[in-house]
Amino acid sequence: MYNRPESAERVTDHLVTLGISLPRWSYGPLDPVSVYIKLSPNPDWMSKAKRVTISSISVGIEEEIIYNHEGDEPTRKINTLAKQRQTVGVRMPEAGYFTNLGLVFPARELRDNEGVLLRGKREYPMYAVSGFTTTGTLYKIEYYLFVKAKLSSARDILLRQPIVVCPFDHAGCKEEMEAIEQAAKDAAHISPDNPMLPAKTIIKASDPAGLRALGIAVVGGTRKPLIE
């Protein structure tokens, strides 16, 4: 479900509309983050919208930690993990302005200065990310992909799109999902009462080979044990 594309739009002063499109909304360490950006003028205010100048467009990833999110006074702390800025400096075209911006999701180095990978603890597993999307009783960690368009003759537009951050990259998650799907298929053939035995076989009276499955054959109108 995290591979489906996501799109969003934001308007500040009804002159310019900022729209973004993401090919997927789940990322891990060193995953490429690509954003399709579109700035469209308002056709009802075209004369004013064409006087707007696009100064720059910024893309980044923010980590928002909310302490006591279930209480009356939650505390929010926002950290910028990665940011990229592109200078544009053009007037708003009548057909709109389109561009693609991308960055790499930051990863944490697990090795020390000498290149040694330290042994991790079971209580504190070592991941290549500083944090991931999670919700607890005392705190909650969320991640946002923000796109900011700095304009002249119009108000700046800021759009924050929530994303999901995973401790594993996209390739690792795909391998894990394939293993989980295969395990689920194998579990369907196991009896829940005794996992050492295969699943129970149900034979209906209307089955044409039902007696054969039970080891019985009809010979001369009499049921006899089947000997193969």
C-alpha atoms as a PDB file:
ATOM      1  CA  MET A   1       0.000   0.000   0.000  1.00  0.00           C
ATOM      2  CA  TYR A   2       2.963   2.311   0.538  1.00  0.00           C
ATOM      3  CA  ASN A   3       3.913   2.062  -3.146  1.00  0.00           C
ATOM      4  CA  ARG A   4       0.836   3.870  -4.401  1.00  0.00           C
ATOM      5  CA  PRO A   5       1.384   7.431  -5.672  1.00  0.00           C
ATOM      6  CA  GLU A   6       0.348  10.415  -3.577  1.00  0.00           C
ATOM      7  CA  SER A   7      -0.563  13.934  -4.668  1.00  0.00           C
ATOM      8  CA  ALA A   8      -1.437  17.158  -2.858  1.00  0.00           C
ATOM      9  CA  GLU A   9      -2.122  20.827  -3.581  1.00  0.00           C
ATOM     10  CA  ARG A  10      -1.807  24.042  -1.617  1.00  0.00           C
ATOM     11  CA  VAL A  11      -2.975  27.629  -2.256  1.00  0.00           C
ATOM     12  CA  THR A  12      -2.143  30.704  -0.158  1.00  0.00           C
ATOM     13  CA  ASP A  13      -3.453  33.872  -1.842  1.00  0.00           C
ATOM     14  CA  HIS A  14      -5.509  32.420  -4.737  1.00  0.00           C
ATOM     15  CA  LEU A  15      -2.931  33.492  -7.319  1.00  0.00           C
ATOM     16  CA  VAL A  16      -0.712  30.412  -7.583  1.00  0.00           C
ATOM     17  CA  THR A  17      -1.427  26.762  -6.821  1.00  0.00           C
ATOM     18  CA  LEU A  18       1.381  24.455  -5.720  1.00  0.00           C
ATOM     19  CA  GLY A  19       0.869  20.806  -6.568  1.00  0.00           C
ATOM     20  CA  ILE A  20       3.163  17.864  -5.893  1.00  0.00           C
ATOM     21  CA  SER A  21       3.135  14.197  -6.820  1.00  0.00           C
ATOM     22  CA  LEU A  22       5.074  11.385  -5.152  1.00  0.00           C
ATOM     23  CA  PRO A  23       5.541   7.968  -6.783  1.00  0.00           C
ATOM     24  CA  ARG A  24       5.383   6.396  -3.304  1.00  0.00           C
ATOM     25  CA  TRP A  25       5.200   7.610   0.281  1.00  0.00           C
ATOM     26  CA  SER A  26       7.372   5.153   2.216  1.00  0.00           C
ATOM     27  CA  TYR A  27      11.142   5.584   2.424  1.00  0.00           C
ATOM     28  CA  GLY A  28      14.140   4.119   4.199  1.00  0.00           C
ATOM     29  CA  PRO A  29      17.868   4.818   4.470  1.00  0.00           C
ATOM     30  CA  LEU A  30      19.497   5.916   1.187  1.00  0.00           C
ATOM     31  CA  ASP A  31      16.217   5.616  -0.731  1.00  0.00           C
ATOM     32  CA  PRO A  32      15.828   8.169  -3.544  1.00  0.00           C
ATOM     33  CA  VAL A  33      13.046  10.681  -2.935  1.00  0.00           C
ATOM     34  CA  SER A  34      11.660  12.138  -6.159  1.00  0.00           C
ATOM     35  CA  VAL A  35       9.041  14.904  -6.209  1.00  0.00           C
ATOM     36  CA  TYR A  36       7.131  16.161  -9.244  1.00  0.00           C
ATOM     37  CA  ILE A  37       6.273  19.838  -8.673  1.00  0.00           C
ATOM     38  CA  LYS A  38       3.780  21.979 -10.546  1.00  0.00           C
ATOM     39  CA  LEU A  39       3.066  25.686 -10.049  1.00  0.00           C
ATOM     40  CA  SER A  40      -0.134  26.745 -11.783  1.00  0.00           C
ATOM     41  CA  PRO A  41      -1.550  30.277 -12.107  1.00  0.00           C
ATOM     42  CA  ASN A  42      -5.157  30.965 -11.261  1.00  0.00           C
ATOM     43  CA  PRO A  43      -7.001  31.405 -14.602  1.00  0.00           C
ATOM     44  CA  ASP A  44      -9.479  33.799 -12.968  1.00  0.00           C
ATOM     45  CA  TRP A  45      -6.602  36.098 -11.898  1.00  0.00           C
ATOM     46  CA  MET A  46      -4.311  35.516 -14.864  1.00  0.00           C
ATOM     47  CA  SER A  47      -3.220  39.157 -15.222  1.00  0.00           C
ATOM     48  CA  LYS A  48      -1.998  39.269 -11.612  1.00  0.00           C
ATOM     49  CA  ALA A  49      -0.650  35.707 -11.619  1.00  0.00           C
ATOM     50  CA  LYS A  50       1.570  36.387 -14.647  1.00  0.00           C
ATOM     51  CA  ARG A  51       3.335  39.135 -12.685  1.00  0.00           C
ATOM     52  CA  VAL A  52       4.447  36.611 -10.058  1.00  0.00           C
ATOM     53  CA  THR A  53       8.116  35.619 -10.165  1.00  0.00           C
ATOM     54  CA  ILE A  54       9.221  32.187  -8.956  1.00  0.00           C
ATOM     55  CA  SER A  55      12.378  32.888  -6.976  1.00  0.00           C
ATOM     56  CA  SER A  56      13.261  29.409  -5.727  1.00  0.00           C
ATOM     57  CA  ILE A  57      11.823  26.012  -4.800  1.00  0.00           C
ATOM     58  CA  SER A  58      13.006  24.030  -1.783  1.00  0.00           C
ATOM     59  CA  VAL A  59      12.418  20.369  -0.951  1.00  0.00           C
ATOM     60  CA  GLY A  60      13.280  18.696   2.326  1.00  0.00           C
ATOM     61  CA  ILE A  61      12.402  16.089   4.922  1.00  0.00           C
ATOM     62  CA  GLU A  62      11.389  16.996   8.466  1.00  0.00           C
ATOM     63  CA  GLU A  63      11.198  14.838  11.570  1.00  0.00           C
ATOM     64  CA  GLU A  64       8.531  15.921  14.042  1.00  0.00           C
ATOM     65  CA  ILE A  65       8.629  14.479  17.559  1.00  0.00           C
ATOM     66  CA  ILE A  66       5.496  15.092  19.614  1.00  0.00           C
ATOM     67  CA  TYR A  67       5.856  14.521  23.355  1.00  0.00           C
ATOM     68  CA  ASN A  68       2.741  13.876  25.426  1.00  0.00           C
ATOM     69  CA  HIS A  69       0.610  13.783  22.296  1.00  0.00           C
ATOM     70  CA  GLU A  70      -2.319  12.326  24.226  1.00  0.00           C
ATOM     71  CA  GLY A  71      -2.192  15.055  26.892  1.00  0.00           C
ATOM     72  CA  ASP A  72      -3.478  18.605  27.070  1.00  0.00           C
ATOM     73  CA  GLU A  73      -0.222  20.388  26.202  1.00  0.00           C
ATOM     74  CA  PRO A  74       1.812  18.383  23.682  1.00  0.00           C
ATOM     75  CA  THR A  75       5.354  19.532  22.947  1.00  0.00           C
ATOM     76  CA  ARG A  76       6.594  19.478  19.355  1.00  0.00           C
ATOM     77  CA  LYS A  77      10.194  19.353  18.190  1.00  0.00           C
ATOM     78  CA  ILE A  78      10.997  19.577  14.474  1.00  0.00           C
ATOM     79  CA  ASN A  79      14.333  18.548  12.958  1.00  0.00           C
ATOM     80  CA  THR A  80      15.272  19.045   9.307  1.00  0.00           C
ATOM     81  CA  LEU A  81      16.987  15.876   8.082  1.00  0.00           C
ATOM     82  CA  ALA A  82      17.679  16.848   4.463  1.00  0.00           C
ATOM     83  CA  LYS A  83      17.043  19.851   2.254  1.00  0.00           C
ATOM     84  CA  GLN A  84      17.670  20.870  -1.338  1.00  0.00           C
ATOM     85  CA  ARG A  85      17.071  24.259  -2.923  1.00  0.00           C
ATOM     86  CA  GLN A  86      16.752  25.116  -6.594  1.00  0.00           C
ATOM     87  CA  THR A  87      16.973  28.690  -7.849  1.00  0.00           C
ATOM     88  CA  VAL A  88      14.422  29.441 -10.577  1.00  0.00           C
ATOM     89  CA  GLY A  89      14.115  33.211 -11.132  1.00  0.00           C
ATOM     90  CA  VAL A  90      11.485  33.176 -13.893  1.00  0.00           C
ATOM     91  CA  ARG A  91       8.075  34.762 -14.341  1.00  0.00           C
ATOM     92  CA  MET A  92       5.039  32.556 -13.964  1.00  0.00           C
ATOM     93  CA  PRO A  93       4.226  31.089 -17.409  1.00  0.00           C
ATOM     94  CA  GLU A  94       0.625  31.008 -18.502  1.00  0.00           C
ATOM     95  CA  ALA A  95       0.779  27.208 -18.813  1.00  0.00           C
ATOM     96  CA  GLY A  96       2.426  26.835 -15.403  1.00  0.00           C
ATOM     97  CA  TYR A  97       5.879  25.823 -14.233  1.00  0.00           C
ATOM     98  CA  PHE A  98       6.890  22.159 -13.959  1.00  0.00           C
ATOM     99  CA  THR A  99      10.006  20.633 -12.456  1.00  0.00           C
ATOM    100  CA  ASN A 100      11.348  17.523 -10.767  1.00  0.00           C
ATOM    101  CA  LEU A 101      13.386  17.683  -7.583  1.00  0.00           C
ATOM    102  CA  GLY A 102      14.939  14.823  -5.708  1.00  0.00           C
ATOM    103  CA  LEU A 103      17.165  13.987  -2.801  1.00  0.00           C
ATOM    104  CA  VAL A 104      18.454  10.925  -1.000  1.00  0.00           C
ATOM    105  CA  PHE A 105      16.977   9.988   2.341  1.00  0.00           C
ATOM    106  CA  PRO A 106      19.782  10.376   4.896  1.00  0.00           C
ATOM    107  CA  ALA A 107      21.316   7.316   6.519  1.00  0.00           C
ATOM    108  CA  ARG A 108      23.267   6.978   9.729  1.00  0.00           C
ATOM    109  CA  GLU A 109      26.736   5.467   9.614  1.00  0.00           C
ATOM    110  CA  LEU A 110      26.773   2.297  11.722  1.00  0.00           C
ATOM    111  CA  ARG A 111      30.559   1.841  11.713  1.00  0.00           C
ATOM    112  CA  ASP A 112      33.012   3.741  13.872  1.00  0.00           C
ATOM    113  CA  ASN A 113      36.005   5.769  12.697  1.00  0.00           C
ATOM    114  CA  GLU A 114      38.040   2.599  12.181  1.00  0.00           C
ATOM    115  CA  GLY A 115      35.351   0.918  10.093  1.00  0.00           C
ATOM    116  CA  VAL A 116      34.328  -1.550  12.796  1.00  0.00           C
ATOM    117  CA  LEU A 117      30.657  -2.478  13.066  1.00  0.00           C
ATOM    118  CA  LEU A 118      29.790  -2.520  16.749  1.00  0.00           C
ATOM    119  CA  ARG A 119      27.687  -5.292  18.212  1.00  0.00           C
ATOM    120  CA  GLY A 120      24.129  -4.147  18.788  1.00  0.00           C
ATOM    121  CA  LYS A 121      21.915  -4.916  21.750  1.00  0.00           C
ATOM    122  CA  ARG A 122      18.572  -6.626  21.511  1.00  0.00           C
ATOM    123  CA  GLU A 123      16.917  -3.808  23.464  1.00  0.00           C
ATOM    124  CA  TYR A 124      18.482  -1.161  21.213  1.00  0.00           C
ATOM    125  CA  PRO A 125      18.754  -2.513  17.652  1.00  0.00           C
ATOM    126  CA  MET A 126      21.078  -0.706  15.281  1.00  0.00           C
ATOM    127  CA  TYR A 127      19.307   0.834  12.317  1.00  0.00           C
ATOM    128  CA  ALA A 128      20.683   2.964   9.517  1.00  0.00           C
ATOM    129  CA  VAL A 129      18.182   5.720  10.335  1.00  0.00           C
ATOM    130  CA  SER A 130      18.101   7.972  13.383  1.00  0.00           C
ATOM    131  CA  GLY A 131      14.377   7.294  13.809  1.00  0.00           C
ATOM    132  CA  PHE A 132      11.302   5.911  12.084  1.00  0.00           C
ATOM    133  CA  THR A 133       7.560   6.439  12.098  1.00  0.00           C
ATOM    134  CA  THR A 134       6.141   5.186  15.375  1.00  0.00           C
ATOM    135  CA  THR A 135       3.508   5.978  17.980  1.00  0.00           C
ATOM    136  CA  GLY A 136       3.813   5.384  21.713  1.00  0.00           C
ATOM    137  CA  THR A 137       2.051   6.430  24.875  1.00  0.00           C
ATOM    138  CA  LEU A 138       4.432   9.260  25.752  1.00  0.00           C
ATOM    139  CA  TYR A 139       5.617  10.348  22.317  1.00  0.00           C
ATOM    140  CA  LYS A 140       4.962  10.090  18.600  1.00  0.00           C
ATOM    141  CA  ILE A 141       7.397  10.453  15.697  1.00  0.00           C
ATOM    142  CA  GLU A 142       6.138  11.622  12.320  1.00  0.00           C
ATOM    143  CA  TYR A 143       7.903  12.569   9.104  1.00  0.00           C
ATOM    144  CA  TYR A 144       6.953  15.106   6.476  1.00  0.00           C
ATOM    145  CA  LEU A 145       8.170  15.935   2.998  1.00  0.00           C
ATOM    146  CA  PHE A 146       7.942  19.692   2.617  1.00  0.00           C
ATOM    147  CA  VAL A 147       7.993  21.731  -0.583  1.00  0.00           C
ATOM    148  CA  LYS A 148       8.340  25.510  -0.346  1.00  0.00           C
ATOM    149  CA  ALA A 149       7.934  27.861  -3.285  1.00  0.00           C
ATOM    150  CA  LYS A 150       9.395  31.313  -2.686  1.00  0.00           C
ATOM    151  CA  LEU A 151       7.557  33.869  -4.802  1.00  0.00           C
ATOM    152  CA  SER A 152       7.666  37.595  -5.420  1.00  0.00           C
ATOM    153  CA  SER A 153       4.449  39.630  -5.869  1.00  0.00           C
ATOM    154  CA  ALA A 154       2.683  36.775  -4.081  1.00  0.00           C
ATOM    155  CA  ARG A 155       2.823  34.959  -0.784  1.00  0.00           C
ATOM    156  CA  ASP A 156       5.167  32.011  -0.385  1.00  0.00           C
ATOM    157  CA  ILE A 157       3.585  28.562  -0.485  1.00  0.00           C
ATOM    158  CA  LEU A 158       4.561  25.781   1.923  1.00  0.00           C
ATOM    159  CA  LEU A 159       3.198  22.264   1.558  1.00  0.00           C
ATOM    160  CA  ARG A 160       3.906  19.486   4.074  1.00  0.00           C
ATOM    161  CA  GLN A 161       3.035  15.965   2.977  1.00  0.00           C
ATOM    162  CA  PRO A 162       3.206  13.164   5.573  1.00  0.00           C
ATOM    163  CA  ILE A 163       5.388  10.182   4.665  1.00  0.00           C
ATOM    164  CA  VAL A 164       6.263   6.895   6.354  1.00  0.00           C
ATOM    165  CA  VAL A 165       9.874   6.204   7.325  1.00  0.00           C
ATOM    166  CA  CYS A 166      10.995   2.593   7.744  1.00  0.00           C
ATOM    167  CA  PRO A 167      14.232   1.284   9.312  1.00  0.00           C
ATOM    168  CA  PHE A 168      14.908  -0.697   6.120  1.00  0.00           C
ATOM    169  CA  ASP A 169      15.311   0.523   2.569  1.00  0.00           C
ATOM    170  CA  HIS A 170      12.884  -0.244  -0.248  1.00  0.00           C
ATOM    171  CA  ALA A 171      14.777  -3.313  -1.486  1.00  0.00           C
ATOM    172  CA  GLY A 172      15.005  -4.774   2.020  1.00  0.00           C
ATOM    173  CA  CYS A 173      11.295  -4.210   2.664  1.00  0.00           C
ATOM    174  CA  LYS A 174      10.428  -5.910  -0.616  1.00  0.00           C
ATOM    175  CA  GLU A 175      12.434  -8.986   0.348  1.00  0.00           C
ATOM    176  CA  GLU A 176      10.809  -9.083   3.781  1.00  0.00           C
ATOM    177  CA  MET A 177       7.321  -8.789   2.287  1.00  0.00           C
ATOM    178  CA  GLU A 178       7.996 -11.645  -0.137  1.00  0.00           C
ATOM    179  CA  ALA A 179       9.156 -13.824   2.759  1.00  0.00           C
ATOM    180  CA  ILE A 180       6.066 -12.900   4.810  1.00  0.00           C
ATOM    181  CA  GLU A 181       3.732 -13.685   1.910  1.00  0.00           C
ATOM    182  CA  GLN A 182       5.400 -17.059   1.355  1.00  0.00           C
ATOM    183  CA  ALA A 183       5.182 -17.857   5.075  1.00  0.00           C
ATOM    184  CA  ALA A 184       1.478 -16.985   5.048  1.00  0.00           C
ATOM    185  CA  LYS A 185       0.902 -19.333   2.103  1.00  0.00           C
ATOM    186  CA  ASP A 186       2.767 -22.136   3.877  1.00  0.00           C
ATOM    187  CA  ALA A 187       0.837 -21.536   7.100  1.00  0.00           C
ATOM    188  CA  ALA A 188      -2.449 -22.075   5.268  1.00  0.00           C
ATOM    189  CA  HIS A 189      -1.527 -25.765   4.856  1.00  0.00           C
ATOM    190  CA  ILE A 190      -0.753 -26.347   8.544  1.00  0.00           C
ATOM    191  CA  SER A 191      -3.271 -27.596  11.076  1.00  0.00           C
ATOM    192  CA  PRO A 192      -3.770 -25.020  13.872  1.00  0.00           C
ATOM    193  CA  ASP A 193      -4.464 -27.793  16.424  1.00  0.00           C
ATOM    194  CA  ASN A 194      -1.202 -29.612  15.769  1.00  0.00           C
ATOM    195  CA  PRO A 195       1.372 -27.667  13.740  1.00  0.00           C
ATOM    196  CA  MET A 196       3.331 -30.864  13.115  1.00  0.00           C
ATOM    197  CA  LEU A 197       0.474 -32.277  11.011  1.00  0.00           C
ATOM    198  CA  PRO A 198      -0.822 -31.001   7.675  1.00  0.00           C
ATOM    199  CA  ALA A 199      -4.171 -29.286   7.455  1.00  0.00           C
ATOM    200  CA  LYS A 200      -7.310 -31.406   7.642  1.00  0.00           C
ATOM    201  CA  THR A 201      -8.802 -32.684   4.414  1.00  0.00           C
ATOM    202  CA  ILE A 202     -12.576 -32.347   4.106  1.00  0.00           C
ATOM    203  CA  ILE A 203     -14.289 -34.825   1.777  1.00  0.00           C
ATOM    204  CA  LYS A 204     -17.872 -34.113   0.822  1.00  0.00           C
ATOM    205  CA  ALA A 205     -20.447 -36.778   0.019  1.00  0.00           C
ATOM    206  CA  SER A 206     -20.906 -35.327  -3.450  1.00  0.00           C
ATOM    207  CA  ASP A 207     -17.228 -35.643  -4.374  1.00  0.00           C
ATOM    208  CA  PRO A 208     -16.876 -38.099  -7.293  1.00  0.00           C
ATOM    209  CA  ALA A 209     -13.666 -39.593  -5.890  1.00  0.00           C
ATOM    210  CA  GLY A 210     -14.613 -39.281  -2.247  1.00  0.00           C
ATOM    211  CA  LEU A 211     -14.500 -43.011  -1.472  1.00  0.00           C
ATOM    212  CA  ARG A 212     -11.152 -43.337  -3.209  1.00  0.00           C
ATOM    213  CA  ALA A 213      -9.728 -40.623  -0.984  1.00  0.00           C
ATOM    214  CA  LEU A 214     -10.900 -42.682   2.007  1.00  0.00           C
ATOM    215  CA  GLY A 215      -9.263 -45.832   0.659  1.00  0.00           C
ATOM    216  CA  ILE A 216     -12.537 -47.543  -0.288  1.00  0.00           C
ATOM    217  CA  ALA A 217     -13.771 -48.804  -3.651  1.00  0.00           C
ATOM    218  CA  VAL A 218     -17.209 -50.048  -4.744  1.00  0.00           C
ATOM    219  CA  VAL A 219     -16.984 -53.553  -6.217  1.00  0.00           C
ATOM    220  CA  GLY A 220     -20.239 -55.181  -7.282  1.00  0.00           C
ATOM    221  CA  GLY A 221     -22.255 -52.744  -5.240  1.00  0.00           C
ATOM    222  CA  THR A 222     -20.215 -53.527  -2.123  1.00  0.00           C
ATOM    223  CA  ARG A 223     -17.710 -51.217  -0.469  1.00  0.00           C
ATOM    224  CA  LYS A 224     -14.333 -52.864  -0.093  1.00  0.00           C
ATOM    225  CA  PRO A 225     -10.885 -51.596   0.922  1.00  0.00           C
ATOM    226  CA  LEU A 226      -8.971 -50.208  -2.016  1.00  0.00           C
ATOM    227  CA  ILE A 227      -5.727 -52.045  -2.763  1.00  0.00           C
ATOM    228  CA  GLU A 228      -3.496 -50.381  -5.317  1.00  0.00           C
END
